[in-house]
Amino acid sequence: MTSIHKTAVSIVIATIWISVSEFTRNTYLLHELWIEHYQNLGLTFPEGPINGAIWVYYLSEYCPSQYR
């Protein structure tokens, strides 16, 4: 396995791990807290599918930048 391949695999695994852990934390552990927080700000908690897709995209860009 080449060094670039190991790096790519590490980044993909990190992206998946962060996505799953953030989803679990925000959906199951802190959901009510987030809803209350956003209501106090006069906003609606963004929990639609597009929000999840944006976070996956963000993480796919963030993880590689942190590897350097």
C-alpha atoms as a PDB file:
ATOM      1  CA  MET A   1       0.000   0.000   0.000  1.00  0.00           C
ATOM      2  CA  THR A   2       1.492   3.323  -1.041  1.00  0.00           C
ATOM      3  CA  SER A   3       1.778   6.310   1.231  1.00  0.00           C
ATOM      4  CA  ILE A   4      -0.799   8.293  -0.759  1.00  0.00           C
ATOM      5  CA  HIS A   5      -3.237   5.385  -0.544  1.00  0.00           C
ATOM      6  CA  LYS A   6      -2.797   5.128   3.234  1.00  0.00           C
ATOM      7  CA  THR A   7      -3.351   8.866   3.538  1.00  0.00           C
ATOM      8  CA  ALA A   8      -6.524   8.765   1.440  1.00  0.00           C
ATOM      9  CA  VAL A   9      -7.912   5.824   3.408  1.00  0.00           C
ATOM     10  CA  SER A  10      -7.147   7.604   6.702  1.00  0.00           C
ATOM     11  CA  ILE A  11      -8.941  10.738   5.546  1.00  0.00           C
ATOM     12  CA  VAL A  12     -12.007   8.800   4.382  1.00  0.00           C
ATOM     13  CA  ILE A  13     -12.189   6.885   7.659  1.00  0.00           C
ATOM     14  CA  ALA A  14     -11.832  10.119   9.673  1.00  0.00           C
ATOM     15  CA  THR A  15     -14.591  11.764   7.624  1.00  0.00           C
ATOM     16  CA  ILE A  16     -16.932   8.824   8.190  1.00  0.00           C
ATOM     17  CA  TRP A  17     -16.140   8.677  11.917  1.00  0.00           C
ATOM     18  CA  ILE A  18     -16.713  12.412  12.445  1.00  0.00           C
ATOM     19  CA  SER A  19     -19.934  12.350  10.407  1.00  0.00           C
ATOM     20  CA  VAL A  20     -21.378   9.419  12.364  1.00  0.00           C
ATOM     21  CA  SER A  21     -20.347  10.765  15.768  1.00  0.00           C
ATOM     22  CA  GLU A  22     -21.711  14.264  15.051  1.00  0.00           C
ATOM     23  CA  PHE A  23     -24.957  12.833  13.700  1.00  0.00           C
ATOM     24  CA  THR A  24     -25.378  10.634  16.778  1.00  0.00           C
ATOM     25  CA  ARG A  25     -24.544  13.442  19.178  1.00  0.00           C
ATOM     26  CA  ASN A  26     -26.813  16.016  17.557  1.00  0.00           C
ATOM     27  CA  THR A  27     -29.714  13.678  16.758  1.00  0.00           C
ATOM     28  CA  TYR A  28     -29.933  11.503  19.837  1.00  0.00           C
ATOM     29  CA  LEU A  29     -27.975  13.021  22.703  1.00  0.00           C
ATOM     30  CA  LEU A  30     -28.427  16.771  22.325  1.00  0.00           C
ATOM     31  CA  HIS A  31     -31.448  17.132  20.038  1.00  0.00           C
ATOM     32  CA  GLU A  32     -33.736  18.832  22.567  1.00  0.00           C
ATOM     33  CA  LEU A  33     -30.928  21.139  23.704  1.00  0.00           C
ATOM     34  CA  TRP A  34     -30.279  22.259  20.115  1.00  0.00           C
ATOM     35  CA  ILE A  35     -33.978  22.825  19.430  1.00  0.00           C
ATOM     36  CA  GLU A  36     -34.326  24.944  22.581  1.00  0.00           C
ATOM     37  CA  HIS A  37     -31.148  26.892  21.769  1.00  0.00           C
ATOM     38  CA  TYR A  38     -32.333  27.708  18.252  1.00  0.00           C
ATOM     39  CA  GLN A  39     -35.825  28.636  19.517  1.00  0.00           C
ATOM     40  CA  ASN A  40     -34.255  31.069  21.995  1.00  0.00           C
ATOM     41  CA  LEU A  41     -32.461  32.656  19.043  1.00  0.00           C
ATOM     42  CA  GLY A  42     -35.732  32.868  17.112  1.00  0.00           C
ATOM     43  CA  LEU A  43     -34.548  30.303  14.566  1.00  0.00           C
ATOM     44  CA  THR A  44     -35.540  26.804  13.494  1.00  0.00           C
ATOM     45  CA  PHE A  45     -33.046  24.001  14.094  1.00  0.00           C
ATOM     46  CA  PRO A  46     -31.709  22.973  10.642  1.00  0.00           C
ATOM     47  CA  GLU A  47     -32.221  19.228  10.589  1.00  0.00           C
ATOM     48  CA  GLY A  48     -33.224  18.649   6.972  1.00  0.00           C
ATOM     49  CA  PRO A  49     -31.352  16.347   4.594  1.00  0.00           C
ATOM     50  CA  ILE A  50     -29.651  19.260   2.844  1.00  0.00           C
ATOM     51  CA  ASN A  51     -28.082  20.309   6.157  1.00  0.00           C
ATOM     52  CA  GLY A  52     -26.616  16.829   6.576  1.00  0.00           C
ATOM     53  CA  ALA A  53     -25.276  16.881   3.034  1.00  0.00           C
ATOM     54  CA  ILE A  54     -23.610  20.236   3.649  1.00  0.00           C
ATOM     55  CA  TRP A  55     -21.913  18.866   6.784  1.00  0.00           C
ATOM     56  CA  VAL A  56     -20.630  15.819   4.896  1.00  0.00           C
ATOM     57  CA  TYR A  57     -19.217  18.109   2.221  1.00  0.00           C
ATOM     58  CA  TYR A  58     -17.664  20.367   4.875  1.00  0.00           C
ATOM     59  CA  LEU A  59     -16.038  17.413   6.612  1.00  0.00           C
ATOM     60  CA  SER A  60     -14.718  16.022   3.344  1.00  0.00           C
ATOM     61  CA  GLU A  61     -12.928  19.351   2.879  1.00  0.00           C
ATOM     62  CA  TYR A  62     -11.951  19.844   6.543  1.00  0.00           C
ATOM     63  CA  CYS A  63     -10.366  16.463   7.252  1.00  0.00           C
ATOM     64  CA  PRO A  64      -7.780  16.641   4.455  1.00  0.00           C
ATOM     65  CA  SER A  65      -6.811  20.175   5.465  1.00  0.00           C
ATOM     66  CA  GLN A  66      -6.103  18.978   9.024  1.00  0.00           C
ATOM     67  CA  TYR A  67      -3.884  16.119   7.851  1.00  0.00           C
ATOM     68  CA  ARG A  68      -1.083  18.350   6.556  1.00  0.00           C
END
